[in-house]
Amino acid sequence: MIFIVVKFNVKPDWSERWLDLVADFTKATREESGNLWFDWSRSVDNPNEFVLVEAFQDDAAEAHVNSEHFKKAMADMPQALVETPHIISRQFEGSGWDRMGELTIE
């Protein structure tokens, strides 16, 4: 799978509207056949930072970045951003989350 984490530093006047801005993009991406997850979080240290954790099957990433909803999101997002987002993108064996061995709840 391809595992991606992206940090978005949003302008303060956009921070309460960010999730609305990306709502259609989020919905469309979650409906892609190769999407494993596409989850937004907000930083507890910086209310203007949003973190996107996403994963795709190996053969689905190209279709995602070539989709119309991806292209539209890339055109819509810059107005709300302070800087270019920071990203980590890696390919891993597997297809989902593993359980944390150091903290087991029975």
PDB file of N, CA and C in Angstrom:
ATOM      1  N   MET A   1       0.843  -1.189   0.000  1.00  0.00           N
ATOM      2  CA  MET A   1       0.000   0.000   0.000  1.00  0.00           C
ATOM      3  C   MET A   1       0.878   1.238   0.000  1.00  0.00           C
ATOM      4  N   ILE A   2       0.313   2.320  -0.441  1.00  0.00           N
ATOM      5  CA  ILE A   2       0.980   3.619  -0.395  1.00  0.00           C
ATOM      6  C   ILE A   2       0.361   4.393   0.761  1.00  0.00           C
ATOM      7  N   PHE A   3       1.203   4.790   1.702  1.00  0.00           N
ATOM      8  CA  PHE A   3       0.780   5.477   2.919  1.00  0.00           C
ATOM      9  C   PHE A   3       1.285   6.911   2.844  1.00  0.00           C
ATOM     10  N   ILE A   4       0.395   7.872   3.053  1.00  0.00           N
ATOM     11  CA  ILE A   4       0.720   9.285   2.877  1.00  0.00           C
ATOM     12  C   ILE A   4       0.236  10.085   4.087  1.00  0.00           C
ATOM     13  N   VAL A   5       1.082  10.987   4.560  1.00  0.00           N
ATOM     14  CA  VAL A   5       0.697  11.944   5.593  1.00  0.00           C
ATOM     15  C   VAL A   5       1.052  13.329   5.061  1.00  0.00           C
ATOM     16  N   VAL A   6       0.080  14.237   5.098  1.00  0.00           N
ATOM     17  CA  VAL A   6       0.302  15.598   4.609  1.00  0.00           C
ATOM     18  C   VAL A   6      -0.118  16.586   5.699  1.00  0.00           C
ATOM     19  N   LYS A   7       0.752  17.577   5.951  1.00  0.00           N
ATOM     20  CA  LYS A   7       0.435  18.646   6.896  1.00  0.00           C
ATOM     21  C   LYS A   7       0.125  19.917   6.109  1.00  0.00           C
ATOM     22  N   PHE A   8      -1.033  20.493   6.398  1.00  0.00           N
ATOM     23  CA  PHE A   8      -1.488  21.714   5.736  1.00  0.00           C
ATOM     24  C   PHE A   8      -1.509  22.845   6.752  1.00  0.00           C
ATOM     25  N   ASN A   9      -0.734  23.904   6.525  1.00  0.00           N
ATOM     26  CA  ASN A   9      -0.726  25.088   7.367  1.00  0.00           C
ATOM     27  C   ASN A   9      -1.708  26.082   6.745  1.00  0.00           C
ATOM     28  N   VAL A  10      -2.850  26.222   7.393  1.00  0.00           N
ATOM     29  CA  VAL A  10      -3.979  26.991   6.857  1.00  0.00           C
ATOM     30  C   VAL A  10      -3.966  28.416   7.412  1.00  0.00           C
ATOM     31  N   LYS A  11      -4.329  29.373   6.567  1.00  0.00           N
ATOM     32  CA  LYS A  11      -4.459  30.764   7.028  1.00  0.00           C
ATOM     33  C   LYS A  11      -5.486  30.818   8.159  1.00  0.00           C
ATOM     34  N   PRO A  12      -5.238  31.624   9.194  1.00  0.00           N
ATOM     35  CA  PRO A  12      -6.159  31.680  10.335  1.00  0.00           C
ATOM     36  C   PRO A  12      -7.610  31.945   9.952  1.00  0.00           C
ATOM     37  N   ASP A  13      -7.848  32.793   8.953  1.00  0.00           N
ATOM     38  CA  ASP A  13      -9.230  33.081   8.577  1.00  0.00           C
ATOM     39  C   ASP A  13      -9.877  31.936   7.797  1.00  0.00           C
ATOM     40  N   TRP A  14      -9.116  30.896   7.460  1.00  0.00           N
ATOM     41  CA  TRP A  14      -9.642  29.717   6.776  1.00  0.00           C
ATOM     42  C   TRP A  14      -9.745  28.508   7.702  1.00  0.00           C
ATOM     43  N   SER A  15      -9.198  28.575   8.886  1.00  0.00           N
ATOM     44  CA  SER A  15      -9.107  27.372   9.715  1.00  0.00           C
ATOM     45  C   SER A  15     -10.478  26.786  10.075  1.00  0.00           C
ATOM     46  N   GLU A  16     -11.473  27.618  10.270  1.00  0.00           N
ATOM     47  CA  GLU A  16     -12.815  27.097  10.577  1.00  0.00           C
ATOM     48  C   GLU A  16     -13.568  26.656   9.325  1.00  0.00           C
ATOM     49  N   ARG A  17     -13.067  27.003   8.149  1.00  0.00           N
ATOM     50  CA  ARG A  17     -13.729  26.650   6.884  1.00  0.00           C
ATOM     51  C   ARG A  17     -12.974  25.580   6.102  1.00  0.00           C
ATOM     52  N   TRP A  18     -11.798  25.182   6.590  1.00  0.00           N
ATOM     53  CA  TRP A  18     -10.958  24.249   5.846  1.00  0.00           C
ATOM     54  C   TRP A  18     -11.680  22.950   5.504  1.00  0.00           C
ATOM     55  N   LEU A  19     -12.309  22.328   6.493  1.00  0.00           N
ATOM     56  CA  LEU A  19     -12.971  21.048   6.244  1.00  0.00           C
ATOM     57  C   LEU A  19     -14.125  21.190   5.264  1.00  0.00           C
ATOM     58  N   ASP A  20     -14.774  22.344   5.242  1.00  0.00           N
ATOM     59  CA  ASP A  20     -15.804  22.594   4.219  1.00  0.00           C
ATOM     60  C   ASP A  20     -15.177  22.707   2.837  1.00  0.00           C
ATOM     61  N   LEU A  21     -14.023  23.371   2.769  1.00  0.00           N
ATOM     62  CA  LEU A  21     -13.334  23.536   1.486  1.00  0.00           C
ATOM     63  C   LEU A  21     -12.948  22.190   0.889  1.00  0.00           C
ATOM     64  N   VAL A  22     -12.531  21.254   1.720  1.00  0.00           N
ATOM     65  CA  VAL A  22     -12.056  19.954   1.228  1.00  0.00           C
ATOM     66  C   VAL A  22     -13.120  18.853   1.318  1.00  0.00           C
ATOM     67  N   ALA A  23     -14.345  19.190   1.647  1.00  0.00           N
ATOM     68  CA  ALA A  23     -15.396  18.181   1.849  1.00  0.00           C
ATOM     69  C   ALA A  23     -15.680  17.366   0.583  1.00  0.00           C
ATOM     70  N   ASP A  24     -15.853  18.014  -0.552  1.00  0.00           N
ATOM     71  CA  ASP A  24     -16.143  17.278  -1.794  1.00  0.00           C
ATOM     72  C   ASP A  24     -14.954  16.411  -2.201  1.00  0.00           C
ATOM     73  N   PHE A  25     -13.754  16.938  -2.050  1.00  0.00           N
ATOM     74  CA  PHE A  25     -12.535  16.193  -2.345  1.00  0.00           C
ATOM     75  C   PHE A  25     -12.438  14.956  -1.453  1.00  0.00           C
ATOM     76  N   THR A  26     -12.718  15.136  -0.176  1.00  0.00           N
ATOM     77  CA  THR A  26     -12.664  14.034   0.778  1.00  0.00           C
ATOM     78  C   THR A  26     -13.674  12.951   0.412  1.00  0.00           C
ATOM     79  N   LYS A  27     -14.901  13.353   0.146  1.00  0.00           N
ATOM     80  CA  LYS A  27     -15.961  12.392  -0.191  1.00  0.00           C
ATOM     81  C   LYS A  27     -15.609  11.628  -1.461  1.00  0.00           C
ATOM     82  N   ALA A  28     -15.190  12.331  -2.490  1.00  0.00           N
ATOM     83  CA  ALA A  28     -14.865  11.685  -3.766  1.00  0.00           C
ATOM     84  C   ALA A  28     -13.680  10.740  -3.622  1.00  0.00           C
ATOM     85  N   THR A  29     -12.672  11.138  -2.857  1.00  0.00           N
ATOM     86  CA  THR A  29     -11.507  10.280  -2.671  1.00  0.00           C
ATOM     87  C   THR A  29     -11.878   9.025  -1.900  1.00  0.00           C
ATOM     88  N   ARG A  30     -12.691   9.162  -0.875  1.00  0.00           N
ATOM     89  CA  ARG A  30     -13.110   7.993  -0.098  1.00  0.00           C
ATOM     90  C   ARG A  30     -13.915   7.007  -0.941  1.00  0.00           C
ATOM     91  N   GLU A  31     -14.534   7.491  -2.001  1.00  0.00           N
ATOM     92  CA  GLU A  31     -15.318   6.629  -2.887  1.00  0.00           C
ATOM     93  C   GLU A  31     -14.479   5.951  -3.970  1.00  0.00           C
ATOM     94  N   GLU A  32     -13.208   6.324  -4.093  1.00  0.00           N
ATOM     95  CA  GLU A  32     -12.338   5.690  -5.082  1.00  0.00           C
ATOM     96  C   GLU A  32     -12.143   4.219  -4.719  1.00  0.00           C
ATOM     97  N   SER A  33     -12.141   3.363  -5.736  1.00  0.00           N
ATOM     98  CA  SER A  33     -12.056   1.926  -5.475  1.00  0.00           C
ATOM     99  C   SER A  33     -10.755   1.522  -4.777  1.00  0.00           C
ATOM    100  N   GLY A  34      -9.661   2.220  -5.012  1.00  0.00           N
ATOM    101  CA  GLY A  34      -8.391   1.843  -4.413  1.00  0.00           C
ATOM    102  C   GLY A  34      -8.047   2.572  -3.134  1.00  0.00           C
ATOM    103  N   ASN A  35      -8.948   3.430  -2.640  1.00  0.00           N
ATOM    104  CA  ASN A  35      -8.673   4.163  -1.410  1.00  0.00           C
ATOM    105  C   ASN A  35      -8.895   3.266  -0.206  1.00  0.00           C
ATOM    106  N   LEU A  36      -7.917   3.224   0.690  1.00  0.00           N
ATOM    107  CA  LEU A  36      -8.044   2.443   1.920  1.00  0.00           C
ATOM    108  C   LEU A  36      -8.556   3.308   3.069  1.00  0.00           C
ATOM    109  N   TRP A  37      -8.057   4.546   3.164  1.00  0.00           N
ATOM    110  CA  TRP A  37      -8.595   5.526   4.102  1.00  0.00           C
ATOM    111  C   TRP A  37      -8.111   6.911   3.712  1.00  0.00           C
ATOM    112  N   PHE A  38      -8.839   7.905   4.199  1.00  0.00           N
ATOM    113  CA  PHE A  38      -8.569   9.305   3.889  1.00  0.00           C
ATOM    114  C   PHE A  38      -9.123  10.104   5.062  1.00  0.00           C
ATOM    115  N   ASP A  39      -8.290  10.344   6.085  1.00  0.00           N
ATOM    116  CA  ASP A  39      -8.753  10.879   7.364  1.00  0.00           C
ATOM    117  C   ASP A  39      -8.061  12.187   7.730  1.00  0.00           C
ATOM    118  N   TRP A  40      -8.862  13.178   8.065  1.00  0.00           N
ATOM    119  CA  TRP A  40      -8.363  14.487   8.493  1.00  0.00           C
ATOM    120  C   TRP A  40      -8.310  14.563  10.012  1.00  0.00           C
ATOM    121  N   SER A  41      -7.288  15.245  10.526  1.00  0.00           N
ATOM    122  CA  SER A  41      -7.178  15.577  11.943  1.00  0.00           C
ATOM    123  C   SER A  41      -6.689  17.014  12.050  1.00  0.00           C
ATOM    124  N   ARG A  42      -6.914  17.579  13.211  1.00  0.00           N
ATOM    125  CA  ARG A  42      -6.450  18.945  13.474  1.00  0.00           C
ATOM    126  C   ARG A  42      -5.418  18.886  14.586  1.00  0.00           C
ATOM    127  N   SER A  43      -4.343  19.606  14.423  1.00  0.00           N
ATOM    128  CA  SER A  43      -3.282  19.624  15.420  1.00  0.00           C
ATOM    129  C   SER A  43      -3.802  20.140  16.758  1.00  0.00           C
ATOM    130  N   VAL A  44      -3.366  19.514  17.833  1.00  0.00           N
ATOM    131  CA  VAL A  44      -3.725  20.010  19.165  1.00  0.00           C
ATOM    132  C   VAL A  44      -2.819  21.168  19.579  1.00  0.00           C
ATOM    133  N   ASP A  45      -1.685  21.344  18.884  1.00  0.00           N
ATOM    134  CA  ASP A  45      -0.755  22.430  19.200  1.00  0.00           C
ATOM    135  C   ASP A  45      -0.969  23.671  18.345  1.00  0.00           C
ATOM    136  N   ASN A  46      -1.490  23.490  17.145  1.00  0.00           N
ATOM    137  CA  ASN A  46      -1.671  24.602  16.208  1.00  0.00           C
ATOM    138  C   ASN A  46      -3.044  24.464  15.554  1.00  0.00           C
ATOM    139  N   PRO A  47      -4.009  25.284  15.934  1.00  0.00           N
ATOM    140  CA  PRO A  47      -5.362  25.154  15.390  1.00  0.00           C
ATOM    141  C   PRO A  47      -5.455  25.451  13.891  1.00  0.00           C
ATOM    142  N   ASN A  48      -4.364  25.939  13.304  1.00  0.00           N
ATOM    143  CA  ASN A  48      -4.356  26.224  11.870  1.00  0.00           C
ATOM    144  C   ASN A  48      -3.659  25.129  11.064  1.00  0.00           C
ATOM    145  N   GLU A  49      -3.296  24.039  11.731  1.00  0.00           N
ATOM    146  CA  GLU A  49      -2.639  22.939  11.030  1.00  0.00           C
ATOM    147  C   GLU A  49      -3.575  21.730  10.971  1.00  0.00           C
ATOM    148  N   PHE A  50      -3.792  21.248   9.751  1.00  0.00           N
ATOM    149  CA  PHE A  50      -4.591  20.054   9.531  1.00  0.00           C
ATOM    150  C   PHE A  50      -3.679  18.968   8.969  1.00  0.00           C
ATOM    151  N   VAL A  51      -3.912  17.746   9.426  1.00  0.00           N
ATOM    152  CA  VAL A  51      -3.097  16.613   9.011  1.00  0.00           C
ATOM    153  C   VAL A  51      -4.000  15.608   8.306  1.00  0.00           C
ATOM    154  N   LEU A  52      -3.585  15.223   7.122  1.00  0.00           N
ATOM    155  CA  LEU A  52      -4.314  14.240   6.332  1.00  0.00           C
ATOM    156  C   LEU A  52      -3.520  12.944   6.335  1.00  0.00           C
ATOM    157  N   VAL A  53      -4.153  11.862   6.771  1.00  0.00           N
ATOM    158  CA  VAL A  53      -3.554  10.532   6.739  1.00  0.00           C
ATOM    159  C   VAL A  53      -4.361   9.729   5.728  1.00  0.00           C
ATOM    160  N   GLU A  54      -3.662   9.258   4.694  1.00  0.00           N
ATOM    161  CA  GLU A  54      -4.365   8.559   3.621  1.00  0.00           C
ATOM    162  C   GLU A  54      -3.564   7.345   3.168  1.00  0.00           C
ATOM    163  N   ALA A  55      -4.271   6.398   2.570  1.00  0.00           N
ATOM    164  CA  ALA A  55      -3.607   5.214   2.041  1.00  0.00           C
ATOM    165  C   ALA A  55      -4.384   4.706   0.834  1.00  0.00           C
ATOM    166  N   PHE A  56      -3.622   4.151  -0.095  1.00  0.00           N
ATOM    167  CA  PHE A  56      -4.184   3.617  -1.329  1.00  0.00           C
ATOM    168  C   PHE A  56      -3.559   2.270  -1.634  1.00  0.00           C
ATOM    169  N   GLN A  57      -4.300   1.430  -2.320  1.00  0.00           N
ATOM    170  CA  GLN A  57      -3.704   0.222  -2.867  1.00  0.00           C
ATOM    171  C   GLN A  57      -2.637   0.670  -3.854  1.00  0.00           C
ATOM    172  N   ASP A  58      -1.591  -0.137  -4.013  1.00  0.00           N
ATOM    173  CA  ASP A  58      -0.444   0.235  -4.847  1.00  0.00           C
ATOM    174  C   ASP A  58      -0.827   0.730  -6.237  1.00  0.00           C
ATOM    175  N   ASP A  59      -1.809   0.124  -6.844  1.00  0.00           N
ATOM    176  CA  ASP A  59      -2.163   0.460  -8.219  1.00  0.00           C
ATOM    177  C   ASP A  59      -3.189   1.587  -8.323  1.00  0.00           C
ATOM    178  N   ALA A  60      -3.569   2.197  -7.203  1.00  0.00           N
ATOM    179  CA  ALA A  60      -4.630   3.208  -7.215  1.00  0.00           C
ATOM    180  C   ALA A  60      -4.128   4.643  -7.115  1.00  0.00           C
ATOM    181  N   ALA A  61      -2.881   4.853  -6.765  1.00  0.00           N
ATOM    182  CA  ALA A  61      -2.386   6.209  -6.536  1.00  0.00           C
ATOM    183  C   ALA A  61      -2.390   7.054  -7.807  1.00  0.00           C
ATOM    184  N   GLU A  62      -2.014   6.469  -8.924  1.00  0.00           N
ATOM    185  CA  GLU A  62      -1.977   7.228 -10.173  1.00  0.00           C
ATOM    186  C   GLU A  62      -3.367   7.704 -10.573  1.00  0.00           C
ATOM    187  N   ALA A  63      -4.351   6.832 -10.442  1.00  0.00           N
ATOM    188  CA  ALA A  63      -5.728   7.221 -10.764  1.00  0.00           C
ATOM    189  C   ALA A  63      -6.188   8.355  -9.851  1.00  0.00           C
ATOM    190  N   HIS A  64      -5.776   8.306  -8.595  1.00  0.00           N
ATOM    191  CA  HIS A  64      -6.163   9.352  -7.643  1.00  0.00           C
ATOM    192  C   HIS A  64      -5.620  10.716  -8.070  1.00  0.00           C
ATOM    193  N   VAL A  65      -4.316  10.803  -8.339  1.00  0.00           N
ATOM    194  CA  VAL A  65      -3.737  12.108  -8.677  1.00  0.00           C
ATOM    195  C   VAL A  65      -4.138  12.586 -10.069  1.00  0.00           C
ATOM    196  N   ASN A  66      -4.671  11.717 -10.882  1.00  0.00           N
ATOM    197  CA  ASN A  66      -5.158  12.113 -12.203  1.00  0.00           C
ATOM    198  C   ASN A  66      -6.665  12.352 -12.241  1.00  0.00           C
ATOM    199  N   SER A  67      -7.333  12.190 -11.099  1.00  0.00           N
ATOM    200  CA  SER A  67      -8.788  12.366 -11.050  1.00  0.00           C
ATOM    201  C   SER A  67      -9.166  13.846 -11.124  1.00  0.00           C
ATOM    202  N   GLU A  68     -10.368  14.092 -11.576  1.00  0.00           N
ATOM    203  CA  GLU A  68     -10.865  15.475 -11.658  1.00  0.00           C
ATOM    204  C   GLU A  68     -10.994  16.099 -10.270  1.00  0.00           C
ATOM    205  N   HIS A  69     -11.437  15.316  -9.276  1.00  0.00           N
ATOM    206  CA  HIS A  69     -11.593  15.892  -7.930  1.00  0.00           C
ATOM    207  C   HIS A  69     -10.239  16.240  -7.315  1.00  0.00           C
ATOM    208  N   PHE A  70      -9.183  15.491  -7.646  1.00  0.00           N
ATOM    209  CA  PHE A  70      -7.839  15.842  -7.168  1.00  0.00           C
ATOM    210  C   PHE A  70      -7.387  17.150  -7.818  1.00  0.00           C
ATOM    211  N   LYS A  71      -7.553  17.243  -9.127  1.00  0.00           N
ATOM    212  CA  LYS A  71      -7.147  18.464  -9.845  1.00  0.00           C
ATOM    213  C   LYS A  71      -7.899  19.682  -9.323  1.00  0.00           C
ATOM    214  N   LYS A  72      -9.192  19.513  -9.061  1.00  0.00           N
ATOM    215  CA  LYS A  72      -9.989  20.632  -8.543  1.00  0.00           C
ATOM    216  C   LYS A  72      -9.503  21.027  -7.143  1.00  0.00           C
ATOM    217  N   ALA A  73      -9.223  20.045  -6.292  1.00  0.00           N
ATOM    218  CA  ALA A  73      -8.737  20.341  -4.944  1.00  0.00           C
ATOM    219  C   ALA A  73      -7.406  21.082  -4.990  1.00  0.00           C
ATOM    220  N   MET A  74      -6.522  20.680  -5.892  1.00  0.00           N
ATOM    221  CA  MET A  74      -5.224  21.344  -6.007  1.00  0.00           C
ATOM    222  C   MET A  74      -5.393  22.789  -6.473  1.00  0.00           C
ATOM    223  N   ALA A  75      -6.438  23.068  -7.230  1.00  0.00           N
ATOM    224  CA  ALA A  75      -6.718  24.438  -7.665  1.00  0.00           C
ATOM    225  C   ALA A  75      -7.407  25.255  -6.563  1.00  0.00           C
ATOM    226  N   ASP A  76      -8.226  24.595  -5.722  1.00  0.00           N
ATOM    227  CA  ASP A  76      -8.992  25.287  -4.678  1.00  0.00           C
ATOM    228  C   ASP A  76      -8.196  25.551  -3.398  1.00  0.00           C
ATOM    229  N   MET A  77      -7.299  24.668  -3.043  1.00  0.00           N
ATOM    230  CA  MET A  77      -6.609  24.752  -1.751  1.00  0.00           C
ATOM    231  C   MET A  77      -5.660  25.938  -1.575  1.00  0.00           C
ATOM    232  N   PRO A  78      -4.904  26.340  -2.587  1.00  0.00           N
ATOM    233  CA  PRO A  78      -3.891  27.386  -2.357  1.00  0.00           C
ATOM    234  C   PRO A  78      -4.413  28.673  -1.728  1.00  0.00           C
ATOM    235  N   GLN A  79      -5.636  29.065  -2.031  1.00  0.00           N
ATOM    236  CA  GLN A  79      -6.188  30.298  -1.463  1.00  0.00           C
ATOM    237  C   GLN A  79      -6.237  30.265   0.064  1.00  0.00           C
ATOM    238  N   ALA A  80      -6.275  29.063   0.646  1.00  0.00           N
ATOM    239  CA  ALA A  80      -6.428  28.920   2.086  1.00  0.00           C
ATOM    240  C   ALA A  80      -5.126  28.581   2.803  1.00  0.00           C
ATOM    241  N   LEU A  81      -4.051  28.414   2.073  1.00  0.00           N
ATOM    242  CA  LEU A  81      -2.809  27.925   2.662  1.00  0.00           C
ATOM    243  C   LEU A  81      -1.766  29.019   2.867  1.00  0.00           C
ATOM    244  N   VAL A  82      -0.995  28.879   3.933  1.00  0.00           N
ATOM    245  CA  VAL A  82       0.113  29.779   4.243  1.00  0.00           C
ATOM    246  C   VAL A  82       1.342  29.404   3.429  1.00  0.00           C
ATOM    247  N   GLU A  83       1.538  28.102   3.214  1.00  0.00           N
ATOM    248  CA  GLU A  83       2.745  27.602   2.554  1.00  0.00           C
ATOM    249  C   GLU A  83       2.433  26.282   1.853  1.00  0.00           C
ATOM    250  N   THR A  84       3.388  25.814   1.104  1.00  0.00           N
ATOM    251  CA  THR A  84       3.278  24.515   0.459  1.00  0.00           C
ATOM    252  C   THR A  84       3.163  23.431   1.534  1.00  0.00           C
ATOM    253  N   PRO A  85       2.201  22.525   1.415  1.00  0.00           N
ATOM    254  CA  PRO A  85       2.065  21.456   2.410  1.00  0.00           C
ATOM    255  C   PRO A  85       3.318  20.580   2.496  1.00  0.00           C
ATOM    256  N   HIS A  86       3.510  19.979   3.651  1.00  0.00           N
ATOM    257  CA  HIS A  86       4.617  19.051   3.901  1.00  0.00           C
ATOM    258  C   HIS A  86       4.060  17.639   3.798  1.00  0.00           C
ATOM    259  N   ILE A  87       4.798  16.745   3.129  1.00  0.00           N
ATOM    260  CA  ILE A  87       4.279  15.404   2.859  1.00  0.00           C
ATOM    261  C   ILE A  87       5.320  14.326   3.121  1.00  0.00           C
ATOM    262  N   ILE A  88       4.828  13.191   3.586  1.00  0.00           N
ATOM    263  CA  ILE A  88       5.593  11.950   3.640  1.00  0.00           C
ATOM    264  C   ILE A  88       4.774  10.934   2.858  1.00  0.00           C
ATOM    265  N   SER A  89       5.377  10.305   1.886  1.00  0.00           N
ATOM    266  CA  SER A  89       4.697   9.293   1.070  1.00  0.00           C
ATOM    267  C   SER A  89       5.618   8.086   0.949  1.00  0.00           C
ATOM    268  N   ARG A  90       5.133   6.936   1.414  1.00  0.00           N
ATOM    269  CA  ARG A  90       5.950   5.720   1.410  1.00  0.00           C
ATOM    270  C   ARG A  90       5.105   4.528   0.984  1.00  0.00           C
ATOM    271  N   GLN A  91       5.773   3.578   0.397  1.00  0.00           N
ATOM    272  CA  GLN A  91       5.118   2.332   0.021  1.00  0.00           C
ATOM    273  C   GLN A  91       5.482   1.266   1.047  1.00  0.00           C
ATOM    274  N   PHE A  92       4.468   0.546   1.523  1.00  0.00           N
ATOM    275  CA  PHE A  92       4.650  -0.486   2.537  1.00  0.00           C
ATOM    276  C   PHE A  92       3.973  -1.780   2.113  1.00  0.00           C
ATOM    277  N   GLU A  93       4.454  -2.879   2.660  1.00  0.00           N
ATOM    278  CA  GLU A  93       3.746  -4.150   2.524  1.00  0.00           C
ATOM    279  C   GLU A  93       2.500  -4.072   3.397  1.00  0.00           C
ATOM    280  N   GLY A  94       1.439  -4.700   2.977  1.00  0.00           N
ATOM    281  CA  GLY A  94       0.224  -4.748   3.780  1.00  0.00           C
ATOM    282  C   GLY A  94      -0.909  -3.981   3.143  1.00  0.00           C
ATOM    283  N   SER A  95      -2.050  -4.007   3.824  1.00  0.00           N
ATOM    284  CA  SER A  95      -3.236  -3.340   3.281  1.00  0.00           C
ATOM    285  C   SER A  95      -4.075  -2.682   4.364  1.00  0.00           C
ATOM    286  N   GLY A  96      -3.500  -2.475   5.539  1.00  0.00           N
ATOM    287  CA  GLY A  96      -4.277  -1.839   6.592  1.00  0.00           C
ATOM    288  C   GLY A  96      -3.461  -1.633   7.843  1.00  0.00           C
ATOM    289  N   TRP A  97      -4.149  -1.201   8.878  1.00  0.00           N
ATOM    290  CA  TRP A  97      -3.522  -0.913  10.164  1.00  0.00           C
ATOM    291  C   TRP A  97      -3.201  -2.216  10.886  1.00  0.00           C
ATOM    292  N   ASP A  98      -2.068  -2.246  11.576  1.00  0.00           N
ATOM    293  CA  ASP A  98      -1.716  -3.353  12.455  1.00  0.00           C
ATOM    294  C   ASP A  98      -2.059  -2.948  13.886  1.00  0.00           C
ATOM    295  N   ARG A  99      -2.093  -3.916  14.778  1.00  0.00           N
ATOM    296  CA  ARG A  99      -2.316  -3.625  16.199  1.00  0.00           C
ATOM    297  C   ARG A  99      -0.984  -3.250  16.841  1.00  0.00           C
ATOM    298  N   MET A 100      -1.045  -2.340  17.804  1.00  0.00           N
ATOM    299  CA  MET A 100       0.150  -1.875  18.513  1.00  0.00           C
ATOM    300  C   MET A 100       0.558  -2.906  19.555  1.00  0.00           C
ATOM    301  N   GLY A 101       1.689  -3.553  19.337  1.00  0.00           N
ATOM    302  CA  GLY A 101       2.152  -4.604  20.228  1.00  0.00           C
ATOM    303  C   GLY A 101       2.538  -4.115  21.606  1.00  0.00           C
ATOM    304  N   GLU A 102       2.984  -2.876  21.732  1.00  0.00           N
ATOM    305  CA  GLU A 102       3.433  -2.341  23.020  1.00  0.00           C
ATOM    306  C   GLU A 102       2.280  -1.962  23.945  1.00  0.00           C
ATOM    307  N   LEU A 103       1.074  -1.901  23.412  1.00  0.00           N
ATOM    308  CA  LEU A 103      -0.097  -1.513  24.219  1.00  0.00           C
ATOM    309  C   LEU A 103      -1.274  -2.371  23.787  1.00  0.00           C
ATOM    310  N   THR A 104      -1.428  -3.494  24.468  1.00  0.00           N
ATOM    311  CA  THR A 104      -2.479  -4.440  24.108  1.00  0.00           C
ATOM    312  C   THR A 104      -3.633  -4.341  25.093  1.00  0.00           C
ATOM    313  N   ILE A 105      -4.825  -4.151  24.580  1.00  0.00           N
ATOM    314  CA  ILE A 105      -6.036  -4.098  25.391  1.00  0.00           C
ATOM    315  C   ILE A 105      -6.829  -5.377  25.128  1.00  0.00           C
ATOM    316  N   GLU A 106      -7.108  -6.108  26.188  1.00  0.00           N
ATOM    317  CA  GLU A 106      -7.833  -7.383  26.024  1.00  0.00           C
ATOM    318  C   GLU A 106      -9.220  -7.278  26.568  1.00  0.00           C
TER     319      GLU A 106
END
